[in-house]
Each structure stands twice: as C-alpha cells, then as structure tokens.
Amino acid sequence: MDTTTHRTIRLSLPQRKWLIRGLTQPGGKLPLFDENGKRINLQVVRKCVDAGWAEPWFENQMKPDWLVCKLTDAGRLALEDTNSESV
C-alpha cells in the first residue's frame, strides 16, 4: 500500500493569476501591478510567500514598502498541480 500522501494545492484565482505571470519573466520575477496598472493586493503576495510559492527577491530602495518577489520551484509545482486539476 502506498503511504505517501498528496496534498491538493488550492490557489485562489488572484494567487494563480499573479503567480502565472512569473512563468514568462526572467528569473521568475512577479509583477507589482496587474494588467490594468492596479497594485497587486498585499494579502495575495503575503499568502503566496507564506505558502512558499513566492519569495522576496530584493528590497526596493525607492519604495521600501513594496515587496518585490519571484516565483519559487514550489510555486511552479503549485501551478502545475492546479493545471492538472482543471483538466
């Protein structure tokens, strides 16, 4: 019997939309703003960082309150896992 457990990853739509944008950026850089120029909700960013799907990349000297992040390997896996759920 297989004793390994598979935890289903549940990304919210805002988390998924934010993380997926890192797939096409150099180094997996995640955007500070959405497609309409609105700042990404800090709760979305924090929850993704707390889950290990994103990580702080560097401090923005001009805007120290802005959290510049990049996609992690765990974030890539989470996106793959949610893609397989929707198939």
C-alpha atoms as a PDB file:
ATOM      1  CA  MET A   1       0.000   0.000   0.000  1.00  0.00           C
ATOM      2  CA  ASP A   2       1.271   3.460  -0.860  1.00  0.00           C
ATOM      3  CA  THR A   3       1.661   5.508   2.310  1.00  0.00           C
ATOM      4  CA  THR A   4       2.586   8.772   0.625  1.00  0.00           C
ATOM      5  CA  THR A   5       0.001  11.489   0.806  1.00  0.00           C
ATOM      6  CA  HIS A   6      -0.705  14.009  -1.888  1.00  0.00           C
ATOM      7  CA  ARG A   7      -1.875  17.366  -0.653  1.00  0.00           C
ATOM      8  CA  THR A   8      -4.074  19.127  -3.140  1.00  0.00           C
ATOM      9  CA  ILE A   9      -2.967  22.683  -3.646  1.00  0.00           C
ATOM     10  CA  ARG A  10      -5.745  25.223  -3.793  1.00  0.00           C
ATOM     11  CA  LEU A  11      -4.680  28.512  -5.285  1.00  0.00           C
ATOM     12  CA  SER A  12      -7.221  31.291  -5.245  1.00  0.00           C
ATOM     13  CA  LEU A  13      -7.865  32.936  -8.601  1.00  0.00           C
ATOM     14  CA  PRO A  14      -5.901  36.100  -7.641  1.00  0.00           C
ATOM     15  CA  GLN A  15      -2.971  33.966  -6.411  1.00  0.00           C
ATOM     16  CA  ARG A  16      -2.984  31.898  -9.589  1.00  0.00           C
ATOM     17  CA  LYS A  17      -3.206  34.982 -11.845  1.00  0.00           C
ATOM     18  CA  TRP A  18      -0.276  36.599 -10.017  1.00  0.00           C
ATOM     19  CA  LEU A  19       1.960  33.525  -9.892  1.00  0.00           C
ATOM     20  CA  ILE A  20       1.373  32.523 -13.509  1.00  0.00           C
ATOM     21  CA  ARG A  21       2.803  35.842 -14.679  1.00  0.00           C
ATOM     22  CA  GLY A  22       6.158  34.844 -13.181  1.00  0.00           C
ATOM     23  CA  LEU A  23       6.443  31.904 -15.579  1.00  0.00           C
ATOM     24  CA  THR A  24       7.386  34.135 -18.505  1.00  0.00           C
ATOM     25  CA  GLN A  25       9.594  36.643 -16.690  1.00  0.00           C
ATOM     26  CA  PRO A  26      13.386  36.457 -16.312  1.00  0.00           C
ATOM     27  CA  GLY A  27      14.206  34.817 -13.006  1.00  0.00           C
ATOM     28  CA  GLY A  28      10.501  34.285 -12.319  1.00  0.00           C
ATOM     29  CA  LYS A  29      10.003  37.932 -11.314  1.00  0.00           C
ATOM     30  CA  LEU A  30       6.472  38.568 -10.133  1.00  0.00           C
ATOM     31  CA  PRO A  31       4.744  41.828 -11.032  1.00  0.00           C
ATOM     32  CA  LEU A  32       3.957  44.620  -8.616  1.00  0.00           C
ATOM     33  CA  PHE A  33       0.933  45.659 -10.703  1.00  0.00           C
ATOM     34  CA  ASP A  34      -1.820  43.820 -12.561  1.00  0.00           C
ATOM     35  CA  GLU A  35      -2.602  44.161 -16.267  1.00  0.00           C
ATOM     36  CA  ASN A  36      -4.670  47.294 -15.555  1.00  0.00           C
ATOM     37  CA  GLY A  37      -1.949  49.059 -13.586  1.00  0.00           C
ATOM     38  CA  LYS A  38      -3.504  48.347 -10.176  1.00  0.00           C
ATOM     39  CA  ARG A  39      -1.115  47.291  -7.429  1.00  0.00           C
ATOM     40  CA  ILE A  40      -1.254  43.576  -6.559  1.00  0.00           C
ATOM     41  CA  ASN A  41      -3.112  43.023  -3.281  1.00  0.00           C
ATOM     42  CA  LEU A  42      -0.553  42.655  -0.473  1.00  0.00           C
ATOM     43  CA  GLN A  43      -2.605  39.823   1.075  1.00  0.00           C
ATOM     44  CA  VAL A  44      -2.195  37.816  -2.131  1.00  0.00           C
ATOM     45  CA  VAL A  45       1.553  38.421  -2.055  1.00  0.00           C
ATOM     46  CA  ARG A  46       1.887  37.556   1.656  1.00  0.00           C
ATOM     47  CA  LYS A  47      -0.172  34.357   1.374  1.00  0.00           C
ATOM     48  CA  CYS A  48       1.916  33.179  -1.570  1.00  0.00           C
ATOM     49  CA  VAL A  49       5.138  33.951   0.299  1.00  0.00           C
ATOM     50  CA  ASP A  50       3.844  32.207   3.436  1.00  0.00           C
ATOM     51  CA  ALA A  51       2.930  29.128   1.356  1.00  0.00           C
ATOM     52  CA  GLY A  52       6.400  29.094  -0.229  1.00  0.00           C
ATOM     53  CA  TRP A  53       5.090  29.729  -3.755  1.00  0.00           C
ATOM     54  CA  ALA A  54       6.897  33.082  -3.974  1.00  0.00           C
ATOM     55  CA  GLU A  55       9.852  34.563  -2.155  1.00  0.00           C
ATOM     56  CA  PRO A  56      11.159  38.068  -1.617  1.00  0.00           C
ATOM     57  CA  TRP A  57      13.779  38.824  -4.240  1.00  0.00           C
ATOM     58  CA  PHE A  58      15.276  42.154  -3.284  1.00  0.00           C
ATOM     59  CA  GLU A  59      14.441  45.327  -1.441  1.00  0.00           C
ATOM     60  CA  ASN A  60      13.221  48.244  -3.497  1.00  0.00           C
ATOM     61  CA  GLN A  61      15.266  51.207  -2.247  1.00  0.00           C
ATOM     62  CA  MET A  62      12.837  53.714  -3.772  1.00  0.00           C
ATOM     63  CA  LYS A  63       9.723  52.049  -2.315  1.00  0.00           C
ATOM     64  CA  PRO A  64      10.775  50.009   0.749  1.00  0.00           C
ATOM     65  CA  ASP A  65       7.141  49.071   1.497  1.00  0.00           C
ATOM     66  CA  TRP A  66       6.868  47.284  -1.868  1.00  0.00           C
ATOM     67  CA  LEU A  67       7.647  43.583  -1.730  1.00  0.00           C
ATOM     68  CA  VAL A  68       9.468  42.515  -4.907  1.00  0.00           C
ATOM     69  CA  CYS A  69       9.127  38.741  -5.274  1.00  0.00           C
ATOM     70  CA  LYS A  70       9.974  35.889  -7.580  1.00  0.00           C
ATOM     71  CA  LEU A  71       8.299  32.585  -8.280  1.00  0.00           C
ATOM     72  CA  THR A  72       9.754  29.579  -6.427  1.00  0.00           C
ATOM     73  CA  ASP A  73      10.015  25.980  -7.584  1.00  0.00           C
ATOM     74  CA  ALA A  74       7.155  25.221  -5.173  1.00  0.00           C
ATOM     75  CA  GLY A  75       5.115  27.917  -6.916  1.00  0.00           C
ATOM     76  CA  ARG A  76       5.791  26.337 -10.283  1.00  0.00           C
ATOM     77  CA  LEU A  77       4.679  22.964  -8.903  1.00  0.00           C
ATOM     78  CA  ALA A  78       1.550  24.522  -7.405  1.00  0.00           C
ATOM     79  CA  LEU A  79       0.658  25.942 -10.809  1.00  0.00           C
ATOM     80  CA  GLU A  80       1.266  22.562 -12.463  1.00  0.00           C
ATOM     81  CA  ASP A  81      -0.867  20.845  -9.802  1.00  0.00           C
ATOM     82  CA  THR A  82      -3.754  23.264 -10.294  1.00  0.00           C
ATOM     83  CA  ASN A  83      -3.461  22.846 -14.084  1.00  0.00           C
ATOM     84  CA  SER A  84      -3.870  19.093 -13.750  1.00  0.00           C
ATOM     85  CA  GLU A  85      -6.945  19.586 -11.527  1.00  0.00           C
ATOM     86  CA  SER A  86      -8.748  21.600 -14.177  1.00  0.00           C
ATOM     87  CA  VAL A  87      -8.152  19.061 -16.959  1.00  0.00           C
END
